[in-house]
Amino acid sequence: MTPSPYIVGVGAANADIHGRSRAAVNLMDSNPGTMRVSVGGVTRNILENAARLGLDARLVSAVGGDVFGRLILARSAAAGMDVSNVLVLPDAASSTYMTVLEPSGEMFVAVSDMSILAQLPEAYLAERVPLLHGAAAIACDPSLPEETILHLLALAGKTPVFVDPVSTAYARKLLPHVGRFHTVKPNRMELSILAEMDAGEDAALKPAIARLLEKGCRRVYVTLGPEGCCYGDDSGLFLRAKLRPIVRMENATGAGDAFTAATIYGHVHALPPEETLNLALAAGSVAIRSAETVSPEMSIPLLRETILRDSL
């Protein structure tokens, strides 16, 4: 009997602290609003979304022996993720991400402490080579130290590695190695850095994607905010897609992670690129409508309903 496919994520698992101001944020002042604590981290969020979409998702990360570490493990397991490969460092502080949101839900500013990831030993990853080689896909966190990313790419073997650059700073870190990733999911600014050309105009998107494919990437998804996304792969296919814009967003923080999870779902199930692209857009839409970083309602049936409702 063929074992069910699983995916592995290597990277951050955070406690997320969100503060949402009731009015426009005033600098150098106390802003009345609401506060909430949830669990997050790029890799952890991708895996939770993937688990809610029905994938067997296994996390490789590090947490501290503090209250946030216990919260991360408990909530991740409750969401259906396998956390048996998470390293607990009793004397370390767990990764923490703190963001201030405008009343609209848009991010105003954020501060993150990911220093615990530097304490994830290379030997710990090396011991998990069978886990990595048996996976259908690996999600790599760009916030990992560069040497850890290179070690992971070397250990992955033939397993496809996916990465979302997340920021222009991380895109610069990934630039020398971008061709070693199977799938890359930048936004327009990150694409400009990775392709080493200006992708600010729509006419430049296809050439910029082609540049990444020339470097060795197999698939490239570019998120364009309200304008949807575009896709290119090493077969020469280029697509652009868009869903109906969202009237009110609750929290934009987790949209990219949901999008990436859906692209991994499409890869694992060998879905056509057009279908994967629409599922990814729908996943981002579901995420934005939720106050949680990962929507507890995330599911394939809901994504298909969203596509039917919001298709243009």
C-alpha atoms as a PDB file:
ATOM      1  CA  MET A   1       0.000   0.000   0.000  1.00  0.00           C
ATOM      2  CA  THR A   2       1.419   3.392  -1.008  1.00  0.00           C
ATOM      3  CA  PRO A   3       1.866   5.665   2.032  1.00  0.00           C
ATOM      4  CA  SER A   4      -0.031   8.953   2.040  1.00  0.00           C
ATOM      5  CA  PRO A   5       2.059  11.954   0.964  1.00  0.00           C
ATOM      6  CA  TYR A   6       3.234  14.412   3.572  1.00  0.00           C
ATOM      7  CA  ILE A   7       4.945  17.795   3.539  1.00  0.00           C
ATOM      8  CA  VAL A   8       7.633  19.217   5.812  1.00  0.00           C
ATOM      9  CA  GLY A   9       8.131  22.817   6.885  1.00  0.00           C
ATOM     10  CA  VAL A  10      11.448  24.016   8.280  1.00  0.00           C
ATOM     11  CA  GLY A  11      11.458  27.397   9.976  1.00  0.00           C
ATOM     12  CA  ALA A  12       9.710  29.787  12.277  1.00  0.00           C
ATOM     13  CA  ALA A  13       6.958  29.033  14.752  1.00  0.00           C
ATOM     14  CA  ASN A  14       5.995  32.210  16.591  1.00  0.00           C
ATOM     15  CA  ALA A  15       3.709  33.699  19.135  1.00  0.00           C
ATOM     16  CA  ASP A  16       1.899  36.512  17.272  1.00  0.00           C
ATOM     17  CA  ILE A  17       0.768  39.576  19.211  1.00  0.00           C
ATOM     18  CA  HIS A  18      -1.653  41.765  17.246  1.00  0.00           C
ATOM     19  CA  GLY A  19      -2.715  45.242  18.307  1.00  0.00           C
ATOM     20  CA  ARG A  20      -5.470  46.882  16.239  1.00  0.00           C
ATOM     21  CA  SER A  21      -5.989  50.599  16.716  1.00  0.00           C
ATOM     22  CA  ARG A  22      -9.559  51.895  16.801  1.00  0.00           C
ATOM     23  CA  ALA A  23      -8.509  55.059  14.939  1.00  0.00           C
ATOM     24  CA  ALA A  24      -5.617  56.089  12.705  1.00  0.00           C
ATOM     25  CA  VAL A  25      -2.366  55.235  14.504  1.00  0.00           C
ATOM     26  CA  ASN A  26      -0.693  58.147  16.312  1.00  0.00           C
ATOM     27  CA  LEU A  27       3.068  57.829  16.660  1.00  0.00           C
ATOM     28  CA  MET A  28       4.729  58.439  20.036  1.00  0.00           C
ATOM     29  CA  ASP A  29       1.369  57.941  21.768  1.00  0.00           C
ATOM     30  CA  SER A  30      -0.842  55.270  23.310  1.00  0.00           C
ATOM     31  CA  ASN A  31      -3.503  54.146  20.845  1.00  0.00           C
ATOM     32  CA  PRO A  32      -6.762  52.658  22.191  1.00  0.00           C
ATOM     33  CA  GLY A  33      -7.614  49.421  20.452  1.00  0.00           C
ATOM     34  CA  THR A  34      -7.801  45.663  20.845  1.00  0.00           C
ATOM     35  CA  MET A  35      -5.036  43.140  21.579  1.00  0.00           C
ATOM     36  CA  ARG A  36      -4.931  39.449  20.828  1.00  0.00           C
ATOM     37  CA  VAL A  37      -2.352  36.664  20.998  1.00  0.00           C
ATOM     38  CA  SER A  38      -2.232  33.831  18.471  1.00  0.00           C
ATOM     39  CA  VAL A  39       0.389  31.493  17.052  1.00  0.00           C
ATOM     40  CA  GLY A  40       2.177  32.139  13.786  1.00  0.00           C
ATOM     41  CA  GLY A  41       5.494  32.115  11.966  1.00  0.00           C
ATOM     42  CA  VAL A  42       5.753  31.822   8.190  1.00  0.00           C
ATOM     43  CA  THR A  43       6.469  28.094   8.113  1.00  0.00           C
ATOM     44  CA  ARG A  44       4.088  27.212  10.919  1.00  0.00           C
ATOM     45  CA  ASN A  45       1.307  29.224   9.262  1.00  0.00           C
ATOM     46  CA  ILE A  46       1.888  27.564   5.893  1.00  0.00           C
ATOM     47  CA  LEU A  47       1.726  24.143   7.525  1.00  0.00           C
ATOM     48  CA  GLU A  48      -1.412  24.917   9.529  1.00  0.00           C
ATOM     49  CA  ASN A  49      -3.146  26.103   6.365  1.00  0.00           C
ATOM     50  CA  ALA A  50      -1.940  22.964   4.590  1.00  0.00           C
ATOM     51  CA  ALA A  51      -3.192  20.764   7.431  1.00  0.00           C
ATOM     52  CA  ARG A  52      -6.598  22.449   7.271  1.00  0.00           C
ATOM     53  CA  LEU A  53      -6.617  21.757   3.523  1.00  0.00           C
ATOM     54  CA  GLY A  54      -6.159  18.077   4.324  1.00  0.00           C
ATOM     55  CA  LEU A  55      -2.407  17.573   3.960  1.00  0.00           C
ATOM     56  CA  ASP A  56      -0.222  15.664   6.416  1.00  0.00           C
ATOM     57  CA  ALA A  57       1.974  18.564   7.588  1.00  0.00           C
ATOM     58  CA  ARG A  58       5.107  18.036   9.711  1.00  0.00           C
ATOM     59  CA  LEU A  59       6.939  20.930  11.360  1.00  0.00           C
ATOM     60  CA  VAL A  60      10.685  21.151  12.002  1.00  0.00           C
ATOM     61  CA  SER A  61      11.395  24.167  14.189  1.00  0.00           C
ATOM     62  CA  ALA A  62      12.587  25.303  17.614  1.00  0.00           C
ATOM     63  CA  VAL A  63      10.659  26.803  20.517  1.00  0.00           C
ATOM     64  CA  GLY A  64      11.646  27.935  23.982  1.00  0.00           C
ATOM     65  CA  GLY A  65      10.630  26.393  27.258  1.00  0.00           C
ATOM     66  CA  ASP A  66       8.415  29.409  27.968  1.00  0.00           C
ATOM     67  CA  VAL A  67       4.669  29.992  27.937  1.00  0.00           C
ATOM     68  CA  PHE A  68       4.788  30.993  24.266  1.00  0.00           C
ATOM     69  CA  GLY A  69       6.594  27.762  23.362  1.00  0.00           C
ATOM     70  CA  ARG A  70       3.928  25.694  25.103  1.00  0.00           C
ATOM     71  CA  LEU A  71       1.213  27.721  23.370  1.00  0.00           C
ATOM     72  CA  ILE A  72       2.816  27.191  19.936  1.00  0.00           C
ATOM     73  CA  LEU A  73       3.090  23.416  20.404  1.00  0.00           C
ATOM     74  CA  ALA A  74      -0.405  22.991  21.831  1.00  0.00           C
ATOM     75  CA  ARG A  75      -2.224  25.065  19.228  1.00  0.00           C
ATOM     76  CA  SER A  76      -0.219  23.660  16.316  1.00  0.00           C
ATOM     77  CA  ALA A  77      -0.999  20.095  17.366  1.00  0.00           C
ATOM     78  CA  ALA A  78      -4.657  20.993  17.884  1.00  0.00           C
ATOM     79  CA  ALA A  79      -4.776  22.329  14.305  1.00  0.00           C
ATOM     80  CA  GLY A  80      -3.669  18.938  12.984  1.00  0.00           C
ATOM     81  CA  MET A  81       0.063  19.463  12.533  1.00  0.00           C
ATOM     82  CA  ASP A  82       2.745  16.946  13.507  1.00  0.00           C
ATOM     83  CA  VAL A  83       5.037  18.733  16.003  1.00  0.00           C
ATOM     84  CA  SER A  84       7.147  15.717  16.991  1.00  0.00           C
ATOM     85  CA  ASN A  85      10.163  17.203  15.173  1.00  0.00           C
ATOM     86  CA  VAL A  86      10.085  20.551  16.993  1.00  0.00           C
ATOM     87  CA  LEU A  87      13.155  21.097  19.173  1.00  0.00           C
ATOM     88  CA  VAL A  88      12.404  22.508  22.647  1.00  0.00           C
ATOM     89  CA  LEU A  89      15.221  24.658  24.065  1.00  0.00           C
ATOM     90  CA  PRO A  90      14.388  25.110  27.772  1.00  0.00           C
ATOM     91  CA  ASP A  91      16.445  28.269  28.327  1.00  0.00           C
ATOM     92  CA  ALA A  92      15.628  30.065  25.063  1.00  0.00           C
ATOM     93  CA  ALA A  93      12.887  32.589  24.294  1.00  0.00           C
ATOM     94  CA  SER A  94      10.367  31.478  21.683  1.00  0.00           C
ATOM     95  CA  SER A  95      10.065  33.444  18.450  1.00  0.00           C
ATOM     96  CA  THR A  96       7.699  36.378  18.818  1.00  0.00           C
ATOM     97  CA  TYR A  97       6.090  38.590  16.179  1.00  0.00           C
ATOM     98  CA  MET A  98       4.329  41.783  17.253  1.00  0.00           C
ATOM     99  CA  THR A  99       2.302  43.862  14.813  1.00  0.00           C
ATOM    100  CA  VAL A 100       0.234  47.038  15.003  1.00  0.00           C
ATOM    101  CA  LEU A 101      -2.721  47.153  12.626  1.00  0.00           C
ATOM    102  CA  GLU A 102      -4.650  50.125  11.303  1.00  0.00           C
ATOM    103  CA  PRO A 103      -8.454  50.063  11.844  1.00  0.00           C
ATOM    104  CA  SER A 104      -8.766  48.682   8.294  1.00  0.00           C
ATOM    105  CA  GLY A 105      -6.659  45.644   9.229  1.00  0.00           C
ATOM    106  CA  GLU A 106      -3.652  46.770   7.178  1.00  0.00           C
ATOM    107  CA  MET A 107      -0.285  46.443   8.902  1.00  0.00           C
ATOM    108  CA  PHE A 108       1.137  49.713  10.258  1.00  0.00           C
ATOM    109  CA  VAL A 109       4.369  48.346  11.738  1.00  0.00           C
ATOM    110  CA  ALA A 110       5.733  45.065  13.073  1.00  0.00           C
ATOM    111  CA  VAL A 111       8.676  43.855  15.163  1.00  0.00           C
ATOM    112  CA  SER A 112       9.919  40.272  15.162  1.00  0.00           C
ATOM    113  CA  ASP A 113      12.387  38.292  17.283  1.00  0.00           C
ATOM    114  CA  MET A 114      13.403  35.131  15.420  1.00  0.00           C
ATOM    115  CA  SER A 115      16.771  34.681  17.129  1.00  0.00           C
ATOM    116  CA  ILE A 116      15.917  31.167  18.348  1.00  0.00           C
ATOM    117  CA  LEU A 117      16.173  29.911  14.750  1.00  0.00           C
ATOM    118  CA  ALA A 118      19.932  30.477  14.911  1.00  0.00           C
ATOM    119  CA  GLN A 119      19.971  27.815  17.639  1.00  0.00           C
ATOM    120  CA  LEU A 120      18.500  25.107  15.388  1.00  0.00           C
ATOM    121  CA  PRO A 121      21.590  22.887  14.959  1.00  0.00           C
ATOM    122  CA  GLU A 122      22.615  21.676  11.514  1.00  0.00           C
ATOM    123  CA  ALA A 123      23.002  18.225  13.048  1.00  0.00           C
ATOM    124  CA  TYR A 124      19.319  18.339  14.031  1.00  0.00           C
ATOM    125  CA  LEU A 125      18.400  18.760  10.347  1.00  0.00           C
ATOM    126  CA  ALA A 126      20.909  16.135   9.226  1.00  0.00           C
ATOM    127  CA  GLU A 127      19.257  13.592  11.515  1.00  0.00           C
ATOM    128  CA  ARG A 128      16.005  14.217   9.620  1.00  0.00           C
ATOM    129  CA  VAL A 129      17.232  13.439   6.107  1.00  0.00           C
ATOM    130  CA  PRO A 130      14.847  10.442   5.799  1.00  0.00           C
ATOM    131  CA  LEU A 131      11.971  12.754   6.751  1.00  0.00           C
ATOM    132  CA  LEU A 132      13.051  15.319   4.135  1.00  0.00           C
ATOM    133  CA  HIS A 133      13.638  12.766   1.370  1.00  0.00           C
ATOM    134  CA  GLY A 134      10.265  11.124   1.957  1.00  0.00           C
ATOM    135  CA  ALA A 135       8.319  14.384   1.748  1.00  0.00           C
ATOM    136  CA  ALA A 136       6.259  15.464  -1.255  1.00  0.00           C
ATOM    137  CA  ALA A 137       7.424  19.046  -0.687  1.00  0.00           C
ATOM    138  CA  ILE A 138       9.408  21.151   1.769  1.00  0.00           C
ATOM    139  CA  ALA A 139       8.490  24.692   2.822  1.00  0.00           C
ATOM    140  CA  CYS A 140      11.634  26.677   3.635  1.00  0.00           C
ATOM    141  CA  ASP A 141      11.484  29.753   5.852  1.00  0.00           C
ATOM    142  CA  PRO A 142      13.530  32.734   4.582  1.00  0.00           C
ATOM    143  CA  SER A 143      14.061  33.912   8.167  1.00  0.00           C
ATOM    144  CA  LEU A 144      16.350  30.932   8.775  1.00  0.00           C
ATOM    145  CA  PRO A 145      20.060  31.819   8.903  1.00  0.00           C
ATOM    146  CA  GLU A 146      21.554  31.685   5.403  1.00  0.00           C
ATOM    147  CA  GLU A 147      23.833  28.779   6.306  1.00  0.00           C
ATOM    148  CA  THR A 148      20.815  26.813   7.564  1.00  0.00           C
ATOM    149  CA  ILE A 149      18.955  27.467   4.305  1.00  0.00           C
ATOM    150  CA  LEU A 150      21.942  26.209   2.308  1.00  0.00           C
ATOM    151  CA  HIS A 151      22.212  23.157   4.551  1.00  0.00           C
ATOM    152  CA  LEU A 152      18.508  22.414   4.044  1.00  0.00           C
ATOM    153  CA  LEU A 153      18.803  22.761   0.252  1.00  0.00           C
ATOM    154  CA  ALA A 154      21.727  20.331   0.288  1.00  0.00           C
ATOM    155  CA  LEU A 155      19.876  17.830   2.482  1.00  0.00           C
ATOM    156  CA  ALA A 156      16.596  18.023   0.544  1.00  0.00           C
ATOM    157  CA  GLY A 157      17.860  15.850  -2.290  1.00  0.00           C
ATOM    158  CA  LYS A 158      15.193  15.575  -4.989  1.00  0.00           C
ATOM    159  CA  THR A 159      12.366  16.848  -2.772  1.00  0.00           C
ATOM    160  CA  PRO A 160      10.951  20.137  -4.170  1.00  0.00           C
ATOM    161  CA  VAL A 161      11.632  23.105  -1.887  1.00  0.00           C
ATOM    162  CA  PHE A 162       9.157  26.016  -1.816  1.00  0.00           C
ATOM    163  CA  VAL A 163       9.940  29.505  -0.510  1.00  0.00           C
ATOM    164  CA  ASP A 164       8.094  32.785  -0.038  1.00  0.00           C
ATOM    165  CA  PRO A 165      10.689  35.583   0.302  1.00  0.00           C
ATOM    166  CA  VAL A 166       8.304  37.487   2.641  1.00  0.00           C
ATOM    167  CA  SER A 167      10.274  40.759   2.417  1.00  0.00           C
ATOM    168  CA  THR A 168      12.764  42.591   0.241  1.00  0.00           C
ATOM    169  CA  ALA A 169      15.459  42.025   2.883  1.00  0.00           C
ATOM    170  CA  TYR A 170      14.969  38.253   2.765  1.00  0.00           C
ATOM    171  CA  ALA A 171      14.746  38.377  -1.040  1.00  0.00           C
ATOM    172  CA  ARG A 172      18.263  39.830  -1.085  1.00  0.00           C
ATOM    173  CA  LYS A 173      19.421  36.992   1.153  1.00  0.00           C
ATOM    174  CA  LEU A 174      17.850  34.407  -1.164  1.00  0.00           C
ATOM    175  CA  LEU A 175      19.114  36.027  -4.377  1.00  0.00           C
ATOM    176  CA  PRO A 176      22.406  34.081  -4.705  1.00  0.00           C
ATOM    177  CA  HIS A 177      20.584  30.766  -4.206  1.00  0.00           C
ATOM    178  CA  VAL A 178      17.142  31.363  -5.729  1.00  0.00           C
ATOM    179  CA  GLY A 179      17.675  28.948  -8.622  1.00  0.00           C
ATOM    180  CA  ARG A 180      17.955  26.054  -6.178  1.00  0.00           C
ATOM    181  CA  PHE A 181      14.308  26.409  -5.131  1.00  0.00           C
ATOM    182  CA  HIS A 182      11.628  24.481  -7.021  1.00  0.00           C
ATOM    183  CA  THR A 183       8.913  27.079  -6.412  1.00  0.00           C
ATOM    184  CA  VAL A 184       9.239  30.747  -5.440  1.00  0.00           C
ATOM    185  CA  LYS A 185       6.360  33.051  -4.446  1.00  0.00           C
ATOM    186  CA  PRO A 186       7.478  36.708  -4.428  1.00  0.00           C
ATOM    187  CA  ASN A 187       5.448  39.886  -4.606  1.00  0.00           C
ATOM    188  CA  ARG A 188       6.313  42.475  -7.236  1.00  0.00           C
ATOM    189  CA  MET A 189       9.086  44.172  -5.209  1.00  0.00           C
ATOM    190  CA  GLU A 190      10.661  40.861  -4.212  1.00  0.00           C
ATOM    191  CA  LEU A 191      10.472  39.685  -7.825  1.00  0.00           C
ATOM    192  CA  SER A 192      12.455  42.744  -8.917  1.00  0.00           C
ATOM    193  CA  ILE A 193      15.242  41.799  -6.510  1.00  0.00           C
ATOM    194  CA  LEU A 194      15.292  38.091  -7.326  1.00  0.00           C
ATOM    195  CA  ALA A 195      15.142  38.650 -11.092  1.00  0.00           C
ATOM    196  CA  GLU A 196      17.624  41.532 -10.890  1.00  0.00           C
ATOM    197  CA  MET A 197      15.399  43.739 -13.033  1.00  0.00           C
ATOM    198  CA  ASP A 198      12.589  46.221 -12.491  1.00  0.00           C
ATOM    199  CA  ALA A 199       9.252  44.381 -12.396  1.00  0.00           C
ATOM    200  CA  GLY A 200       7.233  47.452 -11.465  1.00  0.00           C
ATOM    201  CA  GLU A 201       5.272  47.553 -14.721  1.00  0.00           C
ATOM    202  CA  ASP A 202       2.898  44.779 -15.774  1.00  0.00           C
ATOM    203  CA  ALA A 203       4.783  44.340 -19.049  1.00  0.00           C
ATOM    204  CA  ALA A 204       7.891  43.380 -17.040  1.00  0.00           C
ATOM    205  CA  LEU A 205       6.260  40.560 -15.092  1.00  0.00           C
ATOM    206  CA  LYS A 206       6.643  37.856 -17.729  1.00  0.00           C
ATOM    207  CA  PRO A 207      10.322  38.686 -18.492  1.00  0.00           C
ATOM    208  CA  ALA A 208      11.105  38.809 -14.762  1.00  0.00           C
ATOM    209  CA  ILE A 209       9.494  35.420 -14.194  1.00  0.00           C
ATOM    210  CA  ALA A 210      11.422  34.074 -17.189  1.00  0.00           C
ATOM    211  CA  ARG A 211      14.638  35.311 -15.566  1.00  0.00           C
ATOM    212  CA  LEU A 212      13.915  33.257 -12.427  1.00  0.00           C
ATOM    213  CA  LEU A 213      13.135  30.205 -14.536  1.00  0.00           C
ATOM    214  CA  GLU A 214      16.445  30.675 -16.351  1.00  0.00           C
ATOM    215  CA  LYS A 215      18.176  30.669 -12.963  1.00  0.00           C
ATOM    216  CA  GLY A 216      16.744  27.222 -12.243  1.00  0.00           C
ATOM    217  CA  CYS A 217      13.354  27.699 -10.571  1.00  0.00           C
ATOM    218  CA  ARG A 218      10.626  25.379 -11.850  1.00  0.00           C
ATOM    219  CA  ARG A 219       7.576  27.459 -10.894  1.00  0.00           C
ATOM    220  CA  VAL A 220       7.066  31.105  -9.976  1.00  0.00           C
ATOM    221  CA  TYR A 221       3.926  32.624  -8.444  1.00  0.00           C
ATOM    222  CA  VAL A 222       3.852  36.431  -8.173  1.00  0.00           C
ATOM    223  CA  THR A 223       1.250  37.964  -5.871  1.00  0.00           C
ATOM    224  CA  LEU A 224      -0.054  41.365  -6.967  1.00  0.00           C
ATOM    225  CA  GLY A 225      -2.386  42.364  -4.119  1.00  0.00           C
ATOM    226  CA  PRO A 226      -5.810  43.490  -5.379  1.00  0.00           C
ATOM    227  CA  GLU A 227      -4.643  42.781  -8.945  1.00  0.00           C
ATOM    228  CA  GLY A 228      -4.487  39.040  -8.286  1.00  0.00           C
ATOM    229  CA  CYS A 229      -1.404  37.081  -9.278  1.00  0.00           C
ATOM    230  CA  CYS A 230       0.540  35.686 -12.199  1.00  0.00           C
ATOM    231  CA  TYR A 231       2.334  32.404 -12.758  1.00  0.00           C
ATOM    232  CA  GLY A 232       5.053  31.005 -14.948  1.00  0.00           C
ATOM    233  CA  ASP A 233       6.763  27.629 -15.126  1.00  0.00           C
ATOM    234  CA  ASP A 234       9.576  25.872 -16.929  1.00  0.00           C
ATOM    235  CA  SER A 235       7.187  24.513 -19.574  1.00  0.00           C
ATOM    236  CA  GLY A 236       6.787  28.061 -20.899  1.00  0.00           C
ATOM    237  CA  LEU A 237       3.277  28.508 -19.489  1.00  0.00           C
ATOM    238  CA  PHE A 238       2.348  32.017 -18.292  1.00  0.00           C
ATOM    239  CA  LEU A 239      -0.966  32.742 -16.562  1.00  0.00           C
ATOM    240  CA  ARG A 240      -2.634  35.667 -14.846  1.00  0.00           C
ATOM    241  CA  ALA A 241      -5.649  35.362 -12.548  1.00  0.00           C
ATOM    242  CA  LYS A 242      -7.774  37.521 -10.286  1.00  0.00           C
ATOM    243  CA  LEU A 243     -10.791  37.168  -8.017  1.00  0.00           C
ATOM    244  CA  ARG A 244     -13.349  39.799  -7.037  1.00  0.00           C
ATOM    245  CA  PRO A 245     -11.769  42.323  -4.614  1.00  0.00           C
ATOM    246  CA  ILE A 246     -12.582  42.002  -0.914  1.00  0.00           C
ATOM    247  CA  VAL A 247     -14.778  44.778   0.490  1.00  0.00           C
ATOM    248  CA  ARG A 248     -13.531  44.551   4.078  1.00  0.00           C
ATOM    249  CA  MET A 249     -10.367  42.860   5.268  1.00  0.00           C
ATOM    250  CA  GLU A 250      -9.997  41.700   8.849  1.00  0.00           C
ATOM    251  CA  ASN A 251      -6.283  40.857   8.892  1.00  0.00           C
ATOM    252  CA  ALA A 252      -3.862  40.840   5.956  1.00  0.00           C
ATOM    253  CA  THR A 253      -1.068  39.170   7.945  1.00  0.00           C
ATOM    254  CA  GLY A 254      -1.657  35.552   6.917  1.00  0.00           C
ATOM    255  CA  ALA A 255      -2.773  35.891   3.294  1.00  0.00           C
ATOM    256  CA  GLY A 256       0.610  35.049   1.771  1.00  0.00           C
ATOM    257  CA  ASP A 257       1.032  31.964   3.941  1.00  0.00           C
ATOM    258  CA  ALA A 258      -2.411  30.688   2.921  1.00  0.00           C
ATOM    259  CA  PHE A 259      -1.575  31.313  -0.744  1.00  0.00           C
ATOM    260  CA  THR A 260       1.672  29.341  -0.447  1.00  0.00           C
ATOM    261  CA  ALA A 261      -0.082  26.457   1.309  1.00  0.00           C
ATOM    262  CA  ALA A 262      -2.537  26.184  -1.568  1.00  0.00           C
ATOM    263  CA  THR A 263       0.291  26.090  -4.129  1.00  0.00           C
ATOM    264  CA  ILE A 264       1.850  23.220  -2.174  1.00  0.00           C
ATOM    265  CA  TYR A 265      -1.547  21.477  -2.062  1.00  0.00           C
ATOM    266  CA  GLY A 266      -1.783  21.818  -5.838  1.00  0.00           C
ATOM    267  CA  HIS A 267       1.703  20.374  -6.252  1.00  0.00           C
ATOM    268  CA  VAL A 268       1.072  17.402  -3.958  1.00  0.00           C
ATOM    269  CA  HIS A 269      -2.152  16.552  -5.800  1.00  0.00           C
ATOM    270  CA  ALA A 270      -0.706  17.286  -9.279  1.00  0.00           C
ATOM    271  CA  LEU A 271      -3.484  19.786 -10.044  1.00  0.00           C
ATOM    272  CA  PRO A 272      -3.426  21.821 -13.271  1.00  0.00           C
ATOM    273  CA  PRO A 273      -1.721  25.224 -12.846  1.00  0.00           C
ATOM    274  CA  GLU A 274      -4.969  27.117 -13.515  1.00  0.00           C
ATOM    275  CA  GLU A 275      -6.756  25.240 -10.729  1.00  0.00           C
ATOM    276  CA  THR A 276      -3.861  25.678  -8.312  1.00  0.00           C
ATOM    277  CA  LEU A 277      -3.720  29.402  -9.052  1.00  0.00           C
ATOM    278  CA  ASN A 278      -7.421  29.866  -8.312  1.00  0.00           C
ATOM    279  CA  LEU A 279      -7.185  27.811  -5.121  1.00  0.00           C
ATOM    280  CA  ALA A 280      -4.241  29.943  -3.989  1.00  0.00           C
ATOM    281  CA  LEU A 281      -6.121  33.187  -4.649  1.00  0.00           C
ATOM    282  CA  ALA A 282      -9.148  31.832  -2.802  1.00  0.00           C
ATOM    283  CA  ALA A 283      -6.966  30.796   0.147  1.00  0.00           C
ATOM    284  CA  GLY A 284      -5.582  34.323   0.397  1.00  0.00           C
ATOM    285  CA  SER A 285      -9.119  35.700   0.246  1.00  0.00           C
ATOM    286  CA  VAL A 286     -10.322  33.398   3.041  1.00  0.00           C
ATOM    287  CA  ALA A 287      -7.313  34.377   5.169  1.00  0.00           C
ATOM    288  CA  ILE A 288      -7.917  38.114   4.762  1.00  0.00           C
ATOM    289  CA  ARG A 289     -11.540  37.729   5.851  1.00  0.00           C
ATOM    290  CA  SER A 290     -10.475  36.121   9.155  1.00  0.00           C
ATOM    291  CA  ALA A 291      -9.299  37.911  12.305  1.00  0.00           C
ATOM    292  CA  GLU A 292      -7.014  34.916  12.922  1.00  0.00           C
ATOM    293  CA  THR A 293      -3.626  34.670  11.197  1.00  0.00           C
ATOM    294  CA  VAL A 294      -4.794  31.276   9.923  1.00  0.00           C
ATOM    295  CA  SER A 295      -8.519  31.025   9.313  1.00  0.00           C
ATOM    296  CA  PRO A 296     -10.069  28.182  11.329  1.00  0.00           C
ATOM    297  CA  GLU A 297     -12.522  27.786   8.429  1.00  0.00           C
ATOM    298  CA  MET A 298      -9.794  27.087   5.843  1.00  0.00           C
ATOM    299  CA  SER A 299     -10.776  24.028   3.781  1.00  0.00           C
ATOM    300  CA  ILE A 300     -10.859  22.870   0.177  1.00  0.00           C
ATOM    301  CA  PRO A 301     -14.693  23.031  -0.009  1.00  0.00           C
ATOM    302  CA  LEU A 302     -14.593  26.657   1.214  1.00  0.00           C
ATOM    303  CA  LEU A 303     -11.913  27.533  -1.346  1.00  0.00           C
ATOM    304  CA  ARG A 304     -14.020  26.068  -4.141  1.00  0.00           C
ATOM    305  CA  GLU A 305     -17.069  28.003  -2.896  1.00  0.00           C
ATOM    306  CA  THR A 306     -14.972  31.184  -2.841  1.00  0.00           C
ATOM    307  CA  ILE A 307     -13.830  30.618  -6.426  1.00  0.00           C
ATOM    308  CA  LEU A 308     -17.427  30.137  -7.603  1.00  0.00           C
ATOM    309  CA  ARG A 309     -18.614  33.252  -5.754  1.00  0.00           C
ATOM    310  CA  ASP A 310     -15.728  35.606  -6.562  1.00  0.00           C
ATOM    311  CA  SER A 311     -14.672  34.582 -10.070  1.00  0.00           C
ATOM    312  CA  LEU A 312     -14.659  37.490 -12.522  1.00  0.00           C
END
